[in-house]
Amino acid sequence: MTTNARLDEAQRTAAADDPLIGTVLASRYRVEKRLGAGGMGTVYLAQHIKLQKPMAVKVLHKEMSTVTEVVARFEREAIAAARIDHPNVVAATDFGTLEDGCFFLVLEYIAGRSLRSALVPGAMSAHRALHIARQIADALSAAHDAGIVHRDLKPENVMLVDRRGRSDVVKVLDFGIAKVTWEDARGAPQLTRLGAVFGTPEYMAPEQAAGLSVDARADLYALGILLFEMLDGRAPFEGSDPVAVVQRQIRDAPPPLPPKTPPDVVALVTRLLAKKADERVQTAAEVVRRIDEILPRIDAPDADPVTSVGDATIAVDAPTSLALPVVSQTDLDRGLPTVLGARAPDAEPIDVALKRTVLVGTMRVPLWLTGLAAMGAVVAVLLGVVLLVSLLGDSAPRVR
């Protein structure tokens, strides 16, 4: 069976198992396939039949649509995403109920990869980590200005997309447990029954982990965790026991960042991860400002440009900074000559080699002449050593 045939069969199986696939929701959205599912709902790829535009549609499971608190959280996500108008936040465009009573939420469809998948290879460069963190901070600034605290910022809720030639464009999503603080929501009941401590332990601020009231600075702590993880490859507080992780968030200092981390970046992460909210950077806008100050010093314009040649790296226009060539084991096994780590071409003609010159002082001297001079110097040294040994031998006392 071909790959396409297997995919078609898998899609038919999914459609048979999921009655929504192939249907039109709310007379506008044709469901094409399932993108993912969780304990509370399922996310589908759908096509707006009038606009011919792909959308992501979240549908609450039917049994969850009867739980008042779950519906309230779902509605809160819809309100939060709709209220934040920012290019780094996934936009919500529709919200309602289906004929069977299930609630649905329509979101901007993002074709990209999660920050979690980008962290699979390990730590990132400080420049890339700050580039991503700046956009997250900018998105949080817009959310906080709208009176919204995310409360569940983590790598899975940050998407990275390529847009108009730019890579690592951030999209923050999933405001499902966001704390909404606008005046028009003050009359809504507090959502506490599903847990006063609600979020992901590895990314919780200490006050959130302790079940205390949180504000925008809890998101900044989570941003500090993300920045730490991008720089180190691992979050500062991890473990298989969620309770133990929560306790470490409350009482333990984070481990040191890698030694190569620029001091300004270490200082920023340290401030973001302060246990007391009053000791952190106080606003997301301030985080953006600090990153804008740090980035130029990391990506300095006078830094030597680097060019890759085969397996070797050389600094352009810096002949004294040549890196040692790297020769692959395969080339060594084959006994092939190498130049800068790549296979050398066939030997050049002798007349071409004789024309090569090198700069000595302010004069260019033929390469073959410098070779002769070097050989002459070596011979002179050897002759001097032989003569000295001979003289010492003649002057030594003889024993009869």
Protein backbone atom coordinates (compact mmCIF):
# COMPACT_ATOMS: atom_id res chain seq x y z
CA MET A 1 0.00 0.00 0.00
CA THR A 2 1.39 3.44 -0.92
CA THR A 3 1.91 6.23 1.60
CA ASN A 4 -0.98 8.24 0.12
CA ALA A 5 -3.25 5.23 0.31
CA ARG A 6 -2.35 4.69 3.95
CA LEU A 7 -3.04 8.36 4.70
CA ASP A 8 -6.41 8.18 2.94
CA GLU A 9 -7.29 5.07 4.90
CA ALA A 10 -6.24 6.75 8.18
CA GLN A 11 -8.39 9.77 7.36
CA ARG A 12 -11.37 7.57 6.54
CA THR A 13 -10.88 5.74 9.85
CA ALA A 14 -10.67 9.06 11.72
CA ALA A 15 -13.81 10.29 9.97
CA ALA A 16 -15.63 7.11 10.90
CA ASP A 17 -14.59 7.50 14.52
CA ASP A 18 -15.34 11.23 14.63
CA PRO A 19 -18.76 12.23 13.31
CA LEU A 20 -17.77 15.92 13.05
CA ILE A 21 -15.19 15.34 10.30
CA GLY A 22 -16.77 16.21 6.95
CA THR A 23 -19.62 18.18 8.51
CA VAL A 24 -20.27 21.93 8.46
CA LEU A 25 -20.36 23.61 11.87
CA ALA A 26 -22.53 26.67 12.47
CA SER A 27 -23.26 26.79 8.72
CA ARG A 28 -19.79 28.23 8.14
CA TYR A 29 -16.94 25.86 9.01
CA ARG A 30 -16.34 22.61 7.11
CA VAL A 31 -14.36 20.28 9.38
CA GLU A 32 -11.48 18.67 7.49
CA LYS A 33 -9.41 16.80 10.06
CA ARG A 34 -8.56 16.50 13.70
CA LEU A 35 -5.47 18.40 14.85
CA GLY A 36 -5.42 17.24 18.45
CA ALA A 37 -7.51 16.23 21.43
CA GLY A 38 -7.36 16.59 25.21
CA GLY A 39 -9.38 15.94 28.29
CA MET A 40 -11.70 18.88 27.71
CA GLY A 41 -12.07 19.07 23.96
CA THR A 42 -10.82 18.52 20.43
CA VAL A 43 -9.19 20.89 17.96
CA TYR A 44 -10.01 20.58 14.26
CA LEU A 45 -8.73 22.09 11.06
CA ALA A 46 -11.72 23.60 9.31
CA GLN A 47 -12.34 25.66 6.20
CA HIS A 48 -14.53 28.74 6.26
CA ILE A 49 -16.85 27.90 3.36
CA LYS A 50 -17.41 31.53 2.37
CA LEU A 51 -13.94 33.00 2.92
CA GLN A 52 -12.10 29.84 1.82
CA LYS A 53 -9.74 30.30 4.73
CA PRO A 54 -8.34 27.64 7.08
CA MET A 55 -9.34 28.04 10.73
CA ALA A 56 -8.73 26.13 13.95
CA VAL A 57 -11.95 25.12 15.72
CA LYS A 58 -11.95 24.03 19.36
CA VAL A 59 -14.98 21.98 20.38
CA LEU A 60 -15.67 21.10 24.02
CA HIS A 61 -16.46 17.47 24.69
CA LYS A 62 -20.20 17.00 25.15
CA GLU A 63 -19.87 15.85 28.75
CA MET A 64 -17.72 18.92 29.53
CA SER A 65 -20.27 21.27 27.98
CA THR A 66 -22.58 20.59 30.95
CA VAL A 67 -19.96 21.54 33.57
CA THR A 68 -20.55 25.22 34.38
CA GLU A 69 -16.99 25.94 35.44
CA VAL A 70 -15.45 24.33 32.35
CA VAL A 71 -17.77 26.30 30.07
CA ALA A 72 -16.89 29.46 31.96
CA ARG A 73 -13.18 28.81 31.41
CA PHE A 74 -13.80 28.10 27.73
CA GLU A 75 -15.75 31.32 27.38
CA ARG A 76 -12.99 33.16 29.22
CA GLU A 77 -10.47 31.92 26.64
CA ALA A 78 -12.72 33.20 23.86
CA ILE A 79 -13.11 36.62 25.48
CA ALA A 80 -9.39 36.92 26.25
CA ALA A 81 -8.25 35.95 22.75
CA ALA A 82 -10.82 38.27 21.17
CA ARG A 83 -9.86 41.23 23.38
CA ILE A 84 -6.11 41.07 22.64
CA ASP A 85 -5.32 42.60 19.26
CA HIS A 86 -1.64 41.85 18.78
CA PRO A 87 0.37 40.15 16.01
CA ASN A 88 2.01 37.79 18.53
CA VAL A 89 -1.30 36.52 19.94
CA VAL A 90 -3.52 33.95 18.24
CA ALA A 91 -6.77 35.72 17.39
CA ALA A 92 -10.24 34.36 18.20
CA THR A 93 -12.91 35.10 15.61
CA ASP A 94 -16.05 33.21 16.68
CA PHE A 95 -17.66 31.51 19.66
CA GLY A 96 -20.96 29.71 20.12
CA THR A 97 -22.83 26.44 20.60
CA LEU A 98 -23.60 23.63 18.20
CA GLU A 99 -26.97 21.97 17.74
CA ASP A 100 -26.08 19.26 20.26
CA GLY A 101 -25.19 21.85 22.90
CA CYS A 102 -21.40 21.58 22.57
CA PHE A 103 -19.50 24.85 22.75
CA PHE A 104 -17.01 25.78 20.06
CA LEU A 105 -14.33 28.42 19.63
CA VAL A 106 -12.83 29.48 16.30
CA LEU A 107 -9.21 30.60 16.31
CA GLU A 108 -6.63 31.77 13.81
CA TYR A 109 -5.02 28.70 12.26
CA ILE A 110 -1.27 28.61 12.86
CA ALA A 111 0.85 26.37 10.65
CA GLY A 112 4.08 26.23 12.58
CA ARG A 113 5.87 24.41 15.37
CA SER A 114 5.64 24.78 19.11
CA LEU A 115 8.45 26.19 21.19
CA ARG A 116 8.51 22.78 22.84
CA SER A 117 9.50 21.12 19.55
CA ALA A 118 12.11 23.84 18.95
CA LEU A 119 13.66 22.94 22.32
CA VAL A 120 14.03 19.26 21.47
CA PRO A 121 17.60 19.69 20.11
CA GLY A 122 18.58 21.49 23.33
CA ALA A 123 19.69 24.98 24.30
CA MET A 124 19.47 27.90 21.87
CA SER A 125 21.87 30.77 21.33
CA ALA A 126 21.33 33.75 23.61
CA HIS A 127 20.39 35.89 20.61
CA ARG A 128 17.68 33.52 19.41
CA ALA A 129 16.33 33.00 22.93
CA LEU A 130 16.06 36.75 23.48
CA HIS A 131 14.46 37.25 20.05
CA ILE A 132 11.72 34.78 21.00
CA ALA A 133 11.38 36.04 24.59
CA ARG A 134 10.98 39.63 23.39
CA GLN A 135 7.98 38.72 21.26
CA ILE A 136 6.41 36.74 24.10
CA ALA A 137 6.91 39.73 26.41
CA ASP A 138 5.34 42.02 23.81
CA ALA A 139 2.32 39.72 23.57
CA LEU A 140 2.04 39.62 27.37
CA SER A 141 2.24 43.40 27.49
CA ALA A 142 -0.79 43.62 25.19
CA ALA A 143 -2.66 41.04 27.26
CA HIS A 144 -1.86 42.78 30.54
CA ASP A 145 -2.92 46.13 29.11
CA ALA A 146 -6.26 44.48 28.29
CA GLY A 147 -6.56 43.26 31.89
CA ILE A 148 -5.68 39.62 31.14
CA VAL A 149 -3.16 37.41 32.96
CA HIS A 150 -2.36 34.23 31.01
CA ARG A 151 -1.41 32.01 34.01
CA ASP A 152 -0.37 29.02 31.90
CA LEU A 153 2.53 30.23 29.79
CA LYS A 154 4.68 27.26 28.69
CA PRO A 155 6.48 26.03 25.54
CA GLU A 156 3.37 24.18 24.33
CA ASN A 157 1.44 27.48 24.31
CA VAL A 158 4.00 29.33 22.20
CA MET A 159 4.00 28.71 18.45
CA LEU A 160 6.85 29.64 16.12
CA VAL A 161 5.98 30.38 12.50
CA ASP A 162 7.76 31.71 9.42
CA ARG A 163 6.23 34.87 8.03
CA ARG A 164 7.42 36.93 5.05
CA GLY A 165 10.99 35.78 5.26
CA ARG A 166 11.17 36.04 9.06
CA SER A 167 11.71 32.95 11.16
CA ASP A 168 10.68 32.35 14.79
CA VAL A 169 7.68 34.66 14.65
CA VAL A 170 5.85 34.07 17.96
CA LYS A 171 2.17 33.32 18.44
CA VAL A 172 0.95 32.95 22.05
CA LEU A 173 -2.19 30.87 22.48
CA ASP A 174 -4.42 29.11 25.01
CA PHE A 175 -5.83 31.61 27.47
CA GLY A 176 -8.04 28.88 28.91
CA ILE A 177 -7.25 29.69 32.54
CA ALA A 178 -6.58 33.39 32.00
CA LYS A 179 -7.53 35.73 34.79
CA VAL A 180 -9.82 38.39 33.34
CA THR A 181 -9.94 41.61 35.32
CA TRP A 182 -12.00 44.03 33.22
CA GLU A 183 -14.81 45.88 34.87
CA ASP A 184 -17.37 44.12 32.68
CA ALA A 185 -16.25 40.77 34.12
CA ARG A 186 -16.16 41.74 37.78
CA GLY A 187 -19.61 40.33 38.39
CA ALA A 188 -18.58 36.88 37.13
CA PRO A 189 -18.01 34.18 39.79
CA GLN A 190 -14.43 33.32 40.67
CA LEU A 191 -13.32 30.03 39.11
CA THR A 192 -11.80 28.16 41.99
CA ARG A 193 -13.53 24.80 42.25
CA LEU A 194 -11.29 23.22 39.60
CA GLY A 195 -8.31 24.09 41.78
CA ALA A 196 -6.98 27.26 43.30
CA VAL A 197 -3.60 26.05 42.05
CA PHE A 198 -4.18 25.70 38.33
CA GLY A 199 -1.49 25.65 35.69
CA THR A 200 1.67 23.72 34.87
CA PRO A 201 3.98 23.15 37.88
CA GLU A 202 7.24 23.64 35.94
CA TYR A 203 6.13 27.16 34.91
CA MET A 204 4.18 28.37 37.94
CA ALA A 205 5.12 31.49 39.84
CA PRO A 206 5.65 30.84 43.58
CA GLU A 207 2.52 32.78 44.54
CA GLN A 208 0.50 30.81 41.99
CA ALA A 209 1.97 27.53 43.26
CA ALA A 210 0.99 28.53 46.80
CA GLY A 211 -2.62 29.17 45.74
CA LEU A 212 -2.38 32.92 46.34
CA SER A 213 -3.84 35.66 44.20
CA VAL A 214 -1.79 36.35 41.07
CA ASP A 215 -1.30 39.34 38.82
CA ALA A 216 0.63 40.06 35.64
CA ARG A 217 3.95 39.43 37.37
CA ALA A 218 3.14 35.71 37.53
CA ASP A 219 3.35 35.65 33.73
CA LEU A 220 6.74 37.37 33.91
CA TYR A 221 8.01 34.61 36.21
CA ALA A 222 6.83 32.03 33.67
CA LEU A 223 8.61 34.02 30.94
CA GLY A 224 11.77 33.81 33.05
CA ILE A 225 11.36 30.02 33.17
CA LEU A 226 10.96 29.91 29.39
CA LEU A 227 14.04 32.07 28.86
CA PHE A 228 16.04 29.91 31.26
CA GLU A 229 14.94 26.77 29.41
CA MET A 230 15.85 28.22 26.01
CA LEU A 231 19.33 29.11 27.29
CA ASP A 232 19.98 25.92 29.23
CA GLY A 233 17.95 23.30 27.36
CA ARG A 234 16.04 22.37 30.53
CA ALA A 235 13.65 24.17 32.84
CA PRO A 236 15.16 25.07 36.24
CA PHE A 237 12.66 23.03 38.24
CA GLU A 238 11.70 19.62 36.87
CA GLY A 239 10.66 16.26 38.25
CA SER A 240 8.16 13.44 38.01
CA ASP A 241 6.35 14.52 41.18
CA PRO A 242 4.24 17.67 40.54
CA VAL A 243 3.97 18.40 44.25
CA ALA A 244 7.75 18.33 44.64
CA VAL A 245 8.14 20.64 41.61
CA VAL A 246 5.63 23.10 43.11
CA GLN A 247 7.52 23.08 46.41
CA ARG A 248 10.79 23.80 44.59
CA GLN A 249 9.16 26.72 42.80
CA ILE A 250 8.27 28.19 46.18
CA ARG A 251 11.53 27.67 48.08
CA ASP A 252 14.50 26.78 45.81
CA ALA A 253 16.82 29.11 43.93
CA PRO A 254 17.24 28.19 40.25
CA PRO A 255 20.48 26.47 39.21
CA PRO A 256 23.13 28.58 37.44
CA LEU A 257 22.84 29.18 33.71
CA PRO A 258 25.59 27.90 31.38
CA PRO A 259 28.88 29.83 31.81
CA LYS A 260 28.72 31.14 28.24
CA THR A 261 25.48 33.06 28.97
CA PRO A 262 26.09 36.84 28.71
CA PRO A 263 26.03 38.51 32.16
CA ASP A 264 23.24 40.92 31.13
CA VAL A 265 21.05 37.95 30.19
CA VAL A 266 21.83 36.17 33.47
CA ALA A 267 20.84 39.33 35.35
CA LEU A 268 17.53 39.57 33.47
CA VAL A 269 16.63 35.92 34.09
CA THR A 270 17.56 36.27 37.77
CA ARG A 271 15.23 39.26 38.16
CA LEU A 272 12.37 37.47 36.38
CA LEU A 273 12.76 34.42 38.63
CA ALA A 274 12.70 36.34 41.92
CA LYS A 275 10.52 34.47 44.42
CA LYS A 276 8.80 37.67 45.55
CA ALA A 277 6.72 39.38 42.87
CA ASP A 278 7.82 42.84 44.10
CA GLU A 279 11.46 41.95 43.32
CA ARG A 280 10.85 40.97 39.69
CA VAL A 281 10.80 43.17 36.62
CA GLN A 282 7.38 44.73 37.14
CA THR A 283 5.93 44.94 33.63
CA ALA A 284 6.20 43.08 30.35
CA ALA A 285 6.89 46.38 28.62
CA GLU A 286 9.95 46.79 30.84
CA VAL A 287 11.13 43.30 29.82
CA VAL A 288 10.83 44.35 26.16
CA ARG A 289 12.86 47.48 26.88
CA ARG A 290 15.61 45.54 28.66
CA ILE A 291 15.87 42.97 25.89
CA ASP A 292 16.11 45.78 23.34
CA GLU A 293 19.08 47.12 25.31
CA ILE A 294 20.80 43.73 25.57
CA LEU A 295 20.35 42.39 22.03
CA PRO A 296 22.66 44.87 20.25
CA ARG A 297 25.46 44.01 22.66
CA ILE A 298 25.10 40.30 21.88
CA ASP A 299 24.78 40.71 18.13
CA ALA A 300 27.42 43.47 17.89
CA PRO A 301 27.84 44.99 14.39
CA ASP A 302 31.64 44.83 14.63
CA ALA A 303 31.68 41.09 15.32
CA ASP A 304 33.73 39.08 12.85
CA PRO A 305 31.49 37.59 10.15
CA VAL A 306 31.82 33.83 9.90
CA THR A 307 31.71 31.72 6.78
CA SER A 308 31.54 27.94 6.69
CA VAL A 309 33.78 26.05 4.30
CA GLY A 310 33.19 22.33 4.31
CA ASP A 311 33.65 21.21 7.90
CA ALA A 312 35.83 24.19 8.81
CA THR A 313 34.94 27.70 9.91
CA ILE A 314 37.01 30.73 8.92
CA ALA A 315 36.71 34.40 9.78
CA VAL A 316 36.35 36.52 6.66
CA ASP A 317 39.18 39.02 6.02
CA ALA A 318 40.99 37.85 9.12
CA PRO A 319 43.86 35.61 7.93
CA THR A 320 45.40 35.52 11.40
CA SER A 321 42.16 34.05 12.86
CA LEU A 322 41.95 30.94 10.71
CA ALA A 323 40.42 28.04 12.57
CA LEU A 324 42.17 24.70 12.39
CA PRO A 325 40.73 22.56 9.61
CA VAL A 326 38.44 19.73 10.58
CA VAL A 327 39.04 16.51 8.65
CA SER A 328 36.34 13.88 8.55
CA GLN A 329 37.20 10.31 9.56
CA THR A 330 35.99 9.14 6.15
CA ASP A 331 38.62 11.28 4.42
CA LEU A 332 41.29 10.00 6.79
CA ASP A 333 40.29 6.41 6.09
CA ARG A 334 40.49 7.05 2.38
CA GLY A 335 43.85 8.78 2.68
CA LEU A 336 42.58 11.81 0.75
CA PRO A 337 44.36 15.16 0.99
CA THR A 338 42.22 17.84 2.59
CA VAL A 339 42.10 21.62 2.44
CA LEU A 340 40.09 23.35 5.20
CA GLY A 341 38.39 20.09 5.98
CA ALA A 342 37.10 19.51 2.45
CA ARG A 343 38.57 17.22 -0.17
CA ALA A 344 41.35 18.89 -2.09
CA PRO A 345 40.96 19.12 -5.87
CA ASP A 346 43.48 17.59 -8.18
CA ALA A 347 47.03 18.97 -7.76
CA GLU A 348 47.44 22.32 -9.48
CA PRO A 349 49.99 22.84 -12.29
CA ILE A 350 53.54 23.66 -11.16
CA ASP A 351 53.63 26.99 -13.01
CA VAL A 352 50.54 28.13 -11.11
CA ALA A 353 52.04 27.08 -7.79
CA LEU A 354 55.27 28.97 -8.56
CA LYS A 355 53.30 32.18 -9.07
CA ARG A 356 51.82 32.13 -5.53
CA THR A 357 53.08 34.92 -3.24
CA VAL A 358 52.89 35.79 0.44
CA LEU A 359 53.07 39.16 2.19
CA VAL A 360 56.30 39.68 4.20
CA GLY A 361 56.34 43.09 5.84
CA THR A 362 55.33 45.45 3.05
CA MET A 363 56.65 43.28 0.21
CA ARG A 364 55.14 40.34 -1.63
CA VAL A 365 57.62 37.48 -1.93
CA PRO A 366 57.20 34.32 -4.05
CA LEU A 367 55.98 31.43 -1.95
CA TRP A 368 58.77 29.15 -3.26
CA LEU A 369 61.41 31.67 -2.13
CA THR A 370 60.07 31.69 1.44
CA GLY A 371 60.19 27.92 1.36
CA LEU A 372 63.85 27.96 0.28
CA ALA A 373 64.64 30.54 2.94
CA ALA A 374 63.01 28.39 5.60
CA MET A 375 64.89 25.31 4.44
CA GLY A 376 68.14 27.28 4.41
CA ALA A 377 67.54 28.44 7.95
CA VAL A 378 66.93 24.89 9.11
CA VAL A 379 70.13 23.67 7.41
CA ALA A 380 72.12 26.52 8.95
CA VAL A 381 70.87 25.66 12.42
CA LEU A 382 71.72 21.98 11.96
CA LEU A 383 75.24 22.80 10.72
CA GLY A 384 75.73 25.11 13.70
CA VAL A 385 74.71 22.36 16.10
CA VAL A 386 77.09 19.86 14.44
CA LEU A 387 79.99 22.35 14.55
CA LEU A 388 79.35 23.15 18.23
CA VAL A 389 79.29 19.48 19.18
CA SER A 390 82.55 18.94 17.27
CA LEU A 391 84.30 21.83 19.03
CA LEU A 392 83.13 20.67 22.45
CA GLY A 393 84.37 17.19 21.69
CA ASP A 394 87.87 18.44 20.76
CA SER A 395 88.20 20.60 23.88
CA ALA A 396 87.09 17.88 26.37
CA PRO A 397 89.90 16.27 28.47
CA ARG A 398 90.96 12.82 27.36
CA VAL A 399 91.16 9.95 29.82
CA ARG A 400 94.07 7.52 29.26
